[in-house]
All heavy atoms as atom14 arrays in JSON, in Angstrom:
{
  "sequence": "LGGQALTTLRPLQRARQLAWMAQQGESSGELDVRQTVALGRIAHLGL",
  "atom14_mask": [
    [1, 1, 1, 1, 1, 1, 1, 1, 0, 0, 0, 0, 0, 0],
    [1, 1, 1, 1, 0, 0, 0, 0, 0, 0, 0, 0, 0, 0],
    [1, 1, 1, 1, 0, 0, 0, 0, 0, 0, 0, 0, 0, 0],
    [1, 1, 1, 1, 1, 1, 1, 1, 1, 0, 0, 0, 0, 0],
    [1, 1, 1, 1, 1, 0, 0, 0, 0, 0, 0, 0, 0, 0],
    [1, 1, 1, 1, 1, 1, 1, 1, 0, 0, 0, 0, 0, 0],
    [1, 1, 1, 1, 1, 1, 1, 0, 0, 0, 0, 0, 0, 0],
    [1, 1, 1, 1, 1, 1, 1, 0, 0, 0, 0, 0, 0, 0],
    [1, 1, 1, 1, 1, 1, 1, 1, 0, 0, 0, 0, 0, 0],
    [1, 1, 1, 1, 1, 1, 1, 1, 1, 1, 1, 0, 0, 0],
    [1, 1, 1, 1, 1, 1, 1, 0, 0, 0, 0, 0, 0, 0],
    [1, 1, 1, 1, 1, 1, 1, 1, 0, 0, 0, 0, 0, 0],
    [1, 1, 1, 1, 1, 1, 1, 1, 1, 0, 0, 0, 0, 0],
    [1, 1, 1, 1, 1, 1, 1, 1, 1, 1, 1, 0, 0, 0],
    [1, 1, 1, 1, 1, 0, 0, 0, 0, 0, 0, 0, 0, 0],
    [1, 1, 1, 1, 1, 1, 1, 1, 1, 1, 1, 0, 0, 0],
    [1, 1, 1, 1, 1, 1, 1, 1, 1, 0, 0, 0, 0, 0],
    [1, 1, 1, 1, 1, 1, 1, 1, 0, 0, 0, 0, 0, 0],
    [1, 1, 1, 1, 1, 0, 0, 0, 0, 0, 0, 0, 0, 0],
    [1, 1, 1, 1, 1, 1, 1, 1, 1, 1, 1, 1, 1, 1],
    [1, 1, 1, 1, 1, 1, 1, 1, 0, 0, 0, 0, 0, 0],
    [1, 1, 1, 1, 1, 0, 0, 0, 0, 0, 0, 0, 0, 0],
    [1, 1, 1, 1, 1, 1, 1, 1, 1, 0, 0, 0, 0, 0],
    [1, 1, 1, 1, 1, 1, 1, 1, 1, 0, 0, 0, 0, 0],
    [1, 1, 1, 1, 0, 0, 0, 0, 0, 0, 0, 0, 0, 0],
    [1, 1, 1, 1, 1, 1, 1, 1, 1, 0, 0, 0, 0, 0],
    [1, 1, 1, 1, 1, 1, 0, 0, 0, 0, 0, 0, 0, 0],
    [1, 1, 1, 1, 1, 1, 0, 0, 0, 0, 0, 0, 0, 0],
    [1, 1, 1, 1, 0, 0, 0, 0, 0, 0, 0, 0, 0, 0],
    [1, 1, 1, 1, 1, 1, 1, 1, 1, 0, 0, 0, 0, 0],
    [1, 1, 1, 1, 1, 1, 1, 1, 0, 0, 0, 0, 0, 0],
    [1, 1, 1, 1, 1, 1, 1, 1, 0, 0, 0, 0, 0, 0],
    [1, 1, 1, 1, 1, 1, 1, 0, 0, 0, 0, 0, 0, 0],
    [1, 1, 1, 1, 1, 1, 1, 1, 1, 1, 1, 0, 0, 0],
    [1, 1, 1, 1, 1, 1, 1, 1, 1, 0, 0, 0, 0, 0],
    [1, 1, 1, 1, 1, 1, 1, 0, 0, 0, 0, 0, 0, 0],
    [1, 1, 1, 1, 1, 1, 1, 0, 0, 0, 0, 0, 0, 0],
    [1, 1, 1, 1, 1, 0, 0, 0, 0, 0, 0, 0, 0, 0],
    [1, 1, 1, 1, 1, 1, 1, 1, 0, 0, 0, 0, 0, 0],
    [1, 1, 1, 1, 0, 0, 0, 0, 0, 0, 0, 0, 0, 0],
    [1, 1, 1, 1, 1, 1, 1, 1, 1, 1, 1, 0, 0, 0],
    [1, 1, 1, 1, 1, 1, 1, 1, 0, 0, 0, 0, 0, 0],
    [1, 1, 1, 1, 1, 0, 0, 0, 0, 0, 0, 0, 0, 0],
    [1, 1, 1, 1, 1, 1, 1, 1, 1, 1, 0, 0, 0, 0],
    [1, 1, 1, 1, 1, 1, 1, 1, 0, 0, 0, 0, 0, 0],
    [1, 1, 1, 1, 0, 0, 0, 0, 0, 0, 0, 0, 0, 0],
    [1, 1, 1, 1, 1, 1, 1, 1, 0, 0, 0, 0, 0, 0]
  ],
  "atom14_positions": [
    [[103.16, 88.29, 91.96], [103.61, 89.64, 92.24], [103.43, 90.33, 90.8], [103.95, 89.89, 89.89], [105.03, 89.61, 92.65], [105.69, 90.99, 92.98], [104.89, 91.66, 94.05], [107.13, 90.77, 93.21], [0.0, 0.0, 0.0], [0.0, 0.0, 0.0], [0.0, 0.0, 0.0], [0.0, 0.0, 0.0], [0.0, 0.0, 0.0], [0.0, 0.0, 0.0]],
    [[102.53, 91.38, 90.9], [102.23, 92.07, 89.66], [101.56, 91.19, 88.54], [101.8, 91.32, 87.45], [0.0, 0.0, 0.0], [0.0, 0.0, 0.0], [0.0, 0.0, 0.0], [0.0, 0.0, 0.0], [0.0, 0.0, 0.0], [0.0, 0.0, 0.0], [0.0, 0.0, 0.0], [0.0, 0.0, 0.0], [0.0, 0.0, 0.0], [0.0, 0.0, 0.0]],
    [[100.94, 90.18, 89.04], [100.27, 89.25, 87.97], [101.14, 88.1, 87.62], [100.73, 87.16, 86.94], [0.0, 0.0, 0.0], [0.0, 0.0, 0.0], [0.0, 0.0, 0.0], [0.0, 0.0, 0.0], [0.0, 0.0, 0.0], [0.0, 0.0, 0.0], [0.0, 0.0, 0.0], [0.0, 0.0, 0.0], [0.0, 0.0, 0.0], [0.0, 0.0, 0.0]],
    [[102.48, 88.11, 88.03], [103.3, 87.06, 87.66], [103.67, 86.13, 88.77], [103.82, 86.73, 89.98], [104.67, 87.66, 87.12], [104.64, 88.38, 85.74], [105.86, 88.92, 85.43], [106.25, 89.99, 85.6], [106.75, 88.04, 84.65], [0.0, 0.0, 0.0], [0.0, 0.0, 0.0], [0.0, 0.0, 0.0], [0.0, 0.0, 0.0], [0.0, 0.0, 0.0]],
    [[104.0, 84.85, 88.57], [104.34, 83.96, 89.61], [105.68, 84.46, 90.13], [106.55, 84.83, 89.44], [104.41, 82.64, 89.06], [0.0, 0.0, 0.0], [0.0, 0.0, 0.0], [0.0, 0.0, 0.0], [0.0, 0.0, 0.0], [0.0, 0.0, 0.0], [0.0, 0.0, 0.0], [0.0, 0.0, 0.0], [0.0, 0.0, 0.0], [0.0, 0.0, 0.0]],
    [[105.68, 84.55, 91.54], [106.87, 85.19, 92.13], [108.13, 84.29, 91.84], [109.23, 84.84, 91.7], [106.66, 85.05, 93.7], [107.63, 85.86, 94.61], [107.72, 87.21, 94.31], [107.33, 85.58, 96.05], [0.0, 0.0, 0.0], [0.0, 0.0, 0.0], [0.0, 0.0, 0.0], [0.0, 0.0, 0.0], [0.0, 0.0, 0.0], [0.0, 0.0, 0.0]],
    [[107.98, 83.02, 91.76], [109.12, 82.03, 91.42], [109.75, 82.31, 90.0], [110.79, 81.87, 89.87], [108.66, 80.54, 91.53], [107.63, 80.33, 90.77], [108.31, 80.34, 93.03], [0.0, 0.0, 0.0], [0.0, 0.0, 0.0], [0.0, 0.0, 0.0], [0.0, 0.0, 0.0], [0.0, 0.0, 0.0], [0.0, 0.0, 0.0], [0.0, 0.0, 0.0]],
    [[108.99, 82.98, 89.17], [109.41, 83.22, 87.73], [110.24, 84.46, 87.6], [110.86, 84.78, 86.52], [108.27, 83.21, 86.81], [107.47, 84.28, 86.97], [107.53, 82.08, 86.85], [0.0, 0.0, 0.0], [0.0, 0.0, 0.0], [0.0, 0.0, 0.0], [0.0, 0.0, 0.0], [0.0, 0.0, 0.0], [0.0, 0.0, 0.0], [0.0, 0.0, 0.0]],
    [[110.22, 85.35, 88.69], [110.94, 86.69, 88.62], [112.41, 86.42, 89.0], [112.82, 85.83, 90.02], [110.3, 87.7, 89.39], [108.81, 88.04, 89.22], [108.26, 88.92, 90.19], [108.78, 88.6, 87.82], [0.0, 0.0, 0.0], [0.0, 0.0, 0.0], [0.0, 0.0, 0.0], [0.0, 0.0, 0.0], [0.0, 0.0, 0.0], [0.0, 0.0, 0.0]],
    [[113.2, 87.15, 88.27], [114.69, 87.25, 88.65], [114.87, 88.06, 89.92], [114.05, 88.89, 90.16], [115.51, 87.78, 87.47], [115.46, 86.86, 86.27], [116.59, 87.4, 85.27], [116.4, 88.82, 84.9], [115.68, 89.16, 83.93], [114.91, 88.39, 83.14], [115.45, 90.56, 83.62], [0.0, 0.0, 0.0], [0.0, 0.0, 0.0], [0.0, 0.0, 0.0]],
    [[115.82, 87.77, 90.72], [116.08, 88.47, 92.0], [115.94, 90.03, 91.83], [115.41, 90.71, 92.73], [117.32, 88.0, 92.45], [117.57, 86.53, 91.96], [116.85, 86.69, 90.61], [0.0, 0.0, 0.0], [0.0, 0.0, 0.0], [0.0, 0.0, 0.0], [0.0, 0.0, 0.0], [0.0, 0.0, 0.0], [0.0, 0.0, 0.0], [0.0, 0.0, 0.0]],
    [[116.63, 90.49, 90.8], [116.6, 92.0, 90.61], [115.26, 92.54, 90.33], [114.91, 93.51, 90.83], [117.76, 92.31, 89.46], [118.13, 93.86, 89.53], [118.81, 94.18, 90.94], [118.99, 94.1, 88.41], [0.0, 0.0, 0.0], [0.0, 0.0, 0.0], [0.0, 0.0, 0.0], [0.0, 0.0, 0.0], [0.0, 0.0, 0.0], [0.0, 0.0, 0.0]],
    [[114.54, 91.74, 89.52], [113.11, 92.17, 89.2], [112.3, 92.25, 90.58], [111.55, 93.14, 90.77], [112.48, 91.2, 88.24], [112.96, 91.34, 86.83], [112.18, 90.27, 85.9], [112.38, 89.02, 86.24], [111.43, 90.57, 85.03], [0.0, 0.0, 0.0], [0.0, 0.0, 0.0], [0.0, 0.0, 0.0], [0.0, 0.0, 0.0], [0.0, 0.0, 0.0]],
    [[112.38, 91.19, 91.29], [111.79, 91.12, 92.56], [112.08, 92.18, 93.53], [111.15, 92.88, 94.19], [111.86, 89.64, 93.23], [111.12, 89.39, 94.36], [111.1, 87.92, 94.73], [112.41, 87.54, 95.22], [112.91, 86.22, 95.3], [112.07, 85.36, 95.07], [114.17, 86.14, 95.69], [0.0, 0.0, 0.0], [0.0, 0.0, 0.0], [0.0, 0.0, 0.0]],
    [[113.34, 92.53, 93.63], [113.81, 93.49, 94.54], [113.35, 94.97, 94.22], [113.3, 95.75, 95.06], [115.32, 93.51, 94.59], [0.0, 0.0, 0.0], [0.0, 0.0, 0.0], [0.0, 0.0, 0.0], [0.0, 0.0, 0.0], [0.0, 0.0, 0.0], [0.0, 0.0, 0.0], [0.0, 0.0, 0.0], [0.0, 0.0, 0.0], [0.0, 0.0, 0.0]],
    [[113.08, 95.17, 92.89], [112.53, 96.48, 92.52], [110.98, 96.58, 92.8], [110.53, 97.73, 92.8], [112.77, 96.65, 91.13], [114.29, 96.92, 90.75], [114.52, 97.06, 89.23], [115.94, 97.33, 89.02], [116.59, 97.4, 87.81], [115.87, 97.01, 86.81], [117.78, 97.58, 87.71], [0.0, 0.0, 0.0], [0.0, 0.0, 0.0], [0.0, 0.0, 0.0]],
    [[110.39, 95.39, 92.96], [108.92, 95.54, 93.18], [108.56, 95.33, 94.73], [107.51, 95.73, 95.16], [108.36, 94.36, 92.45], [108.38, 94.64, 90.9], [107.58, 93.58, 90.11], [106.35, 93.46, 90.4], [108.17, 92.88, 89.29], [0.0, 0.0, 0.0], [0.0, 0.0, 0.0], [0.0, 0.0, 0.0], [0.0, 0.0, 0.0], [0.0, 0.0, 0.0]],
    [[109.33, 94.53, 95.44], [109.03, 94.44, 96.89], [110.26, 94.57, 97.7], [111.47, 94.25, 97.27], [108.23, 93.17, 97.21], [109.08, 91.82, 97.0], [109.82, 91.43, 98.19], [107.85, 90.73, 96.78], [0.0, 0.0, 0.0], [0.0, 0.0, 0.0], [0.0, 0.0, 0.0], [0.0, 0.0, 0.0], [0.0, 0.0, 0.0], [0.0, 0.0, 0.0]],
    [[110.15, 95.0, 99.02], [111.26, 95.16, 99.89], [110.79, 94.44, 101.24], [109.7, 94.69, 101.65], [111.55, 96.68, 100.05], [0.0, 0.0, 0.0], [0.0, 0.0, 0.0], [0.0, 0.0, 0.0], [0.0, 0.0, 0.0], [0.0, 0.0, 0.0], [0.0, 0.0, 0.0], [0.0, 0.0, 0.0], [0.0, 0.0, 0.0], [0.0, 0.0, 0.0]],
    [[111.76, 93.88, 101.92], [111.38, 93.07, 103.03], [112.34, 93.45, 104.22], [113.47, 93.73, 104.02], [111.75, 91.52, 102.7], [112.34, 90.76, 103.87], [113.43, 90.41, 104.17], [111.44, 89.94, 104.7], [113.58, 89.54, 105.17], [112.23, 89.14, 105.63], [109.98, 89.85, 104.86], [111.76, 88.45, 106.57], [109.52, 88.99, 105.87], [110.42, 88.35, 106.88]],
    [[111.79, 93.68, 105.36], [112.45, 93.88, 106.67], [112.12, 92.81, 107.61], [110.87, 92.59, 107.93], [112.04, 95.24, 107.18], [112.97, 95.69, 108.33], [112.71, 97.42, 108.94], [111.33, 97.07, 110.08], [0.0, 0.0, 0.0], [0.0, 0.0, 0.0], [0.0, 0.0, 0.0], [0.0, 0.0, 0.0], [0.0, 0.0, 0.0], [0.0, 0.0, 0.0]],
    [[113.16, 92.09, 108.11], [112.91, 90.97, 108.95], [112.62, 91.61, 110.45], [112.95, 92.66, 110.79], [114.15, 90.12, 108.96], [0.0, 0.0, 0.0], [0.0, 0.0, 0.0], [0.0, 0.0, 0.0], [0.0, 0.0, 0.0], [0.0, 0.0, 0.0], [0.0, 0.0, 0.0], [0.0, 0.0, 0.0], [0.0, 0.0, 0.0], [0.0, 0.0, 0.0]],
    [[112.1, 90.64, 111.26], [111.7, 90.97, 112.63], [113.01, 91.37, 113.42], [113.0, 92.24, 114.0], [111.05, 89.79, 113.24], [110.53, 90.03, 114.57], [109.72, 88.85, 115.22], [109.72, 88.56, 116.47], [108.92, 88.16, 114.36], [0.0, 0.0, 0.0], [0.0, 0.0, 0.0], [0.0, 0.0, 0.0], [0.0, 0.0, 0.0], [0.0, 0.0, 0.0]],
    [[114.15, 90.69, 113.23], [115.38, 91.0, 113.76], [116.23, 91.2, 112.51], [116.86, 90.47, 112.12], [115.86, 89.75, 114.67], [115.05, 89.5, 115.81], [114.89, 90.59, 116.9], [115.91, 91.41, 116.94], [113.82, 90.67, 117.66], [0.0, 0.0, 0.0], [0.0, 0.0, 0.0], [0.0, 0.0, 0.0], [0.0, 0.0, 0.0], [0.0, 0.0, 0.0]],
    [[116.22, 92.45, 112.18], [116.93, 92.95, 110.96], [118.52, 92.71, 110.98], [119.07, 92.9, 111.95], [0.0, 0.0, 0.0], [0.0, 0.0, 0.0], [0.0, 0.0, 0.0], [0.0, 0.0, 0.0], [0.0, 0.0, 0.0], [0.0, 0.0, 0.0], [0.0, 0.0, 0.0], [0.0, 0.0, 0.0], [0.0, 0.0, 0.0], [0.0, 0.0, 0.0]],
    [[118.84, 92.0, 109.83], [120.41, 91.76, 109.82], [121.0, 93.12, 109.42], [120.64, 93.72, 108.52], [120.63, 90.64, 108.77], [119.94, 89.28, 109.11], [118.57, 89.2, 108.46], [118.12, 90.17, 107.96], [117.87, 88.25, 108.64], [0.0, 0.0, 0.0], [0.0, 0.0, 0.0], [0.0, 0.0, 0.0], [0.0, 0.0, 0.0], [0.0, 0.0, 0.0]],
    [[122.06, 93.34, 110.14], [122.87, 94.45, 109.77], [124.24, 94.36, 110.18], [124.56, 93.65, 111.23], [122.24, 95.69, 110.3], [122.1, 95.62, 111.77], [0.0, 0.0, 0.0], [0.0, 0.0, 0.0], [0.0, 0.0, 0.0], [0.0, 0.0, 0.0], [0.0, 0.0, 0.0], [0.0, 0.0, 0.0], [0.0, 0.0, 0.0], [0.0, 0.0, 0.0]],
    [[125.21, 94.99, 109.56], [126.6, 94.95, 109.87], [126.86, 96.23, 110.86], [126.72, 97.29, 110.5], [127.56, 95.01, 108.68], [128.9, 95.16, 109.19], [0.0, 0.0, 0.0], [0.0, 0.0, 0.0], [0.0, 0.0, 0.0], [0.0, 0.0, 0.0], [0.0, 0.0, 0.0], [0.0, 0.0, 0.0], [0.0, 0.0, 0.0], [0.0, 0.0, 0.0]],
    [[127.46, 95.84, 112.03], [127.74, 96.93, 113.0], [128.9, 97.77, 112.45], [129.18, 98.87, 112.96], [0.0, 0.0, 0.0], [0.0, 0.0, 0.0], [0.0, 0.0, 0.0], [0.0, 0.0, 0.0], [0.0, 0.0, 0.0], [0.0, 0.0, 0.0], [0.0, 0.0, 0.0], [0.0, 0.0, 0.0], [0.0, 0.0, 0.0], [0.0, 0.0, 0.0]],
    [[129.71, 97.38, 111.52], [130.79, 98.17, 111.01], [130.31, 99.2, 109.93], [131.08, 100.21, 109.68], [131.82, 97.16, 110.15], [132.49, 96.27, 111.2], [133.08, 96.99, 112.53], [133.9, 97.98, 112.32], [132.8, 96.55, 113.63], [0.0, 0.0, 0.0], [0.0, 0.0, 0.0], [0.0, 0.0, 0.0], [0.0, 0.0, 0.0], [0.0, 0.0, 0.0]],
    [[129.2, 99.09, 109.42], [128.72, 100.18, 108.46], [128.15, 101.33, 109.22], [127.56, 101.04, 110.32], [127.66, 99.6, 107.55], [128.14, 98.56, 106.54], [126.8, 97.96, 105.79], [129.16, 98.97, 105.6], [0.0, 0.0, 0.0], [0.0, 0.0, 0.0], [0.0, 0.0, 0.0], [0.0, 0.0, 0.0], [0.0, 0.0, 0.0], [0.0, 0.0, 0.0]],
    [[128.24, 102.49, 108.74], [127.63, 103.57, 109.36], [125.99, 103.67, 108.91], [125.7, 102.98, 108.02], [128.28, 105.01, 109.21], [128.48, 105.5, 107.8], [127.42, 105.18, 107.05], [129.35, 106.2, 107.44], [0.0, 0.0, 0.0], [0.0, 0.0, 0.0], [0.0, 0.0, 0.0], [0.0, 0.0, 0.0], [0.0, 0.0, 0.0], [0.0, 0.0, 0.0]],
    [[125.3, 104.62, 109.44], [123.88, 104.69, 109.18], [123.66, 105.04, 107.58], [122.91, 104.28, 106.9], [123.2, 105.68, 109.92], [121.83, 106.14, 109.46], [123.2, 105.28, 111.49], [0.0, 0.0, 0.0], [0.0, 0.0, 0.0], [0.0, 0.0, 0.0], [0.0, 0.0, 0.0], [0.0, 0.0, 0.0], [0.0, 0.0, 0.0], [0.0, 0.0, 0.0]],
    [[124.39, 105.95, 107.18], [124.08, 106.27, 105.7], [124.57, 105.15, 104.77], [123.84, 104.97, 103.78], [124.92, 107.59, 105.29], [124.71, 108.05, 103.94], [125.3, 109.36, 103.54], [125.07, 109.77, 102.19], [123.89, 110.3, 101.95], [123.0, 110.74, 102.84], [123.6, 110.69, 100.79], [0.0, 0.0, 0.0], [0.0, 0.0, 0.0], [0.0, 0.0, 0.0]],
    [[125.62, 104.39, 105.08], [126.09, 103.27, 104.19], [124.95, 102.12, 104.29], [124.64, 101.62, 103.26], [127.4, 102.76, 104.7], [128.53, 103.63, 104.43], [129.87, 103.18, 105.19], [129.74, 102.63, 106.2], [130.97, 103.64, 104.58], [0.0, 0.0, 0.0], [0.0, 0.0, 0.0], [0.0, 0.0, 0.0], [0.0, 0.0, 0.0], [0.0, 0.0, 0.0]],
    [[124.45, 101.99, 105.49], [123.36, 101.09, 105.69], [122.18, 101.35, 104.8], [121.6, 100.38, 104.05], [123.07, 100.88, 107.07], [124.16, 100.44, 107.85], [121.92, 99.75, 107.24], [0.0, 0.0, 0.0], [0.0, 0.0, 0.0], [0.0, 0.0, 0.0], [0.0, 0.0, 0.0], [0.0, 0.0, 0.0], [0.0, 0.0, 0.0], [0.0, 0.0, 0.0]],
    [[121.71, 102.55, 104.93], [120.53, 102.95, 104.12], [120.75, 102.89, 102.7], [119.88, 102.48, 101.91], [120.05, 104.31, 104.51], [118.81, 104.84, 103.73], [119.79, 104.43, 106.03], [0.0, 0.0, 0.0], [0.0, 0.0, 0.0], [0.0, 0.0, 0.0], [0.0, 0.0, 0.0], [0.0, 0.0, 0.0], [0.0, 0.0, 0.0], [0.0, 0.0, 0.0]],
    [[121.99, 103.23, 102.25], [122.38, 103.22, 100.82], [122.26, 101.71, 100.17], [122.18, 101.69, 98.99], [123.74, 103.86, 100.58], [0.0, 0.0, 0.0], [0.0, 0.0, 0.0], [0.0, 0.0, 0.0], [0.0, 0.0, 0.0], [0.0, 0.0, 0.0], [0.0, 0.0, 0.0], [0.0, 0.0, 0.0], [0.0, 0.0, 0.0], [0.0, 0.0, 0.0]],
    [[122.35, 100.86, 100.99], [122.22, 99.37, 100.6], [120.96, 99.22, 99.89], [120.78, 98.3, 99.0], [122.42, 98.38, 101.62], [123.77, 98.3, 102.23], [123.79, 97.29, 103.51], [124.8, 97.81, 101.25], [0.0, 0.0, 0.0], [0.0, 0.0, 0.0], [0.0, 0.0, 0.0], [0.0, 0.0, 0.0], [0.0, 0.0, 0.0], [0.0, 0.0, 0.0]],
    [[119.94, 99.96, 100.17], [118.59, 99.81, 99.62], [118.62, 100.19, 98.17], [117.73, 99.77, 97.37], [0.0, 0.0, 0.0], [0.0, 0.0, 0.0], [0.0, 0.0, 0.0], [0.0, 0.0, 0.0], [0.0, 0.0, 0.0], [0.0, 0.0, 0.0], [0.0, 0.0, 0.0], [0.0, 0.0, 0.0], [0.0, 0.0, 0.0], [0.0, 0.0, 0.0]],
    [[119.74, 100.89, 97.73], [119.87, 101.2, 96.21], [120.37, 100.13, 95.36], [120.45, 100.28, 94.08], [120.58, 102.51, 96.18], [120.05, 103.69, 96.89], [118.62, 104.02, 96.54], [118.6, 104.39, 95.03], [117.44, 104.53, 94.35], [116.26, 104.17, 95.01], [117.36, 104.87, 93.12], [0.0, 0.0, 0.0], [0.0, 0.0, 0.0], [0.0, 0.0, 0.0]],
    [[120.81, 99.11, 95.96], [121.45, 97.99, 95.24], [120.42, 97.36, 94.16], [120.76, 97.07, 93.11], [121.82, 96.85, 96.11], [123.14, 97.28, 96.81], [122.22, 95.48, 95.35], [123.59, 96.28, 97.85], [0.0, 0.0, 0.0], [0.0, 0.0, 0.0], [0.0, 0.0, 0.0], [0.0, 0.0, 0.0], [0.0, 0.0, 0.0], [0.0, 0.0, 0.0]],
    [[119.12, 97.44, 94.56], [118.16, 96.93, 93.58], [118.12, 97.8, 92.29], [117.6, 97.14, 91.19], [116.68, 97.1, 94.15], [0.0, 0.0, 0.0], [0.0, 0.0, 0.0], [0.0, 0.0, 0.0], [0.0, 0.0, 0.0], [0.0, 0.0, 0.0], [0.0, 0.0, 0.0], [0.0, 0.0, 0.0], [0.0, 0.0, 0.0], [0.0, 0.0, 0.0]],
    [[118.59, 98.93, 92.26], [118.51, 99.74, 91.05], [119.91, 99.85, 90.56], [120.14, 99.95, 89.31], [118.03, 101.24, 91.36], [116.76, 101.21, 91.94], [115.47, 101.33, 91.07], [116.23, 101.17, 93.14], [114.51, 101.24, 91.89], [114.85, 101.24, 93.08], [0.0, 0.0, 0.0], [0.0, 0.0, 0.0], [0.0, 0.0, 0.0], [0.0, 0.0, 0.0]],
    [[120.93, 99.8, 91.28], [122.49, 100.08, 90.98], [123.04, 98.63, 90.58], [124.13, 98.56, 89.9], [123.26, 100.77, 91.99], [122.68, 102.16, 92.19], [123.41, 102.8, 93.43], [122.86, 103.07, 90.98], [0.0, 0.0, 0.0], [0.0, 0.0, 0.0], [0.0, 0.0, 0.0], [0.0, 0.0, 0.0], [0.0, 0.0, 0.0], [0.0, 0.0, 0.0]],
    [[122.57, 97.55, 91.09], [123.33, 96.32, 91.25], [124.55, 96.45, 92.14], [124.65, 97.45, 92.84], [0.0, 0.0, 0.0], [0.0, 0.0, 0.0], [0.0, 0.0, 0.0], [0.0, 0.0, 0.0], [0.0, 0.0, 0.0], [0.0, 0.0, 0.0], [0.0, 0.0, 0.0], [0.0, 0.0, 0.0], [0.0, 0.0, 0.0], [0.0, 0.0, 0.0]],
    [[125.17, 95.39, 92.23], [126.4, 95.37, 93.14], [127.56, 96.27, 92.92], [128.23, 96.75, 93.7], [126.8, 93.92, 93.38], [125.84, 92.96, 94.02], [126.46, 91.51, 94.07], [125.51, 93.4, 95.49], [0.0, 0.0, 0.0], [0.0, 0.0, 0.0], [0.0, 0.0, 0.0], [0.0, 0.0, 0.0], [0.0, 0.0, 0.0], [0.0, 0.0, 0.0]]
  ]
}
């Protein structure tokens, strides 16, 4: 990934370079739409 072995990248590094969506996407039914989309910012903000 970007010339580096994927296994050597820290999770946060990897999350900023690639994003994954599963065939049956996992999601919590208790979150609203905006809260769910905002989870994508964790790669930049941390938890």
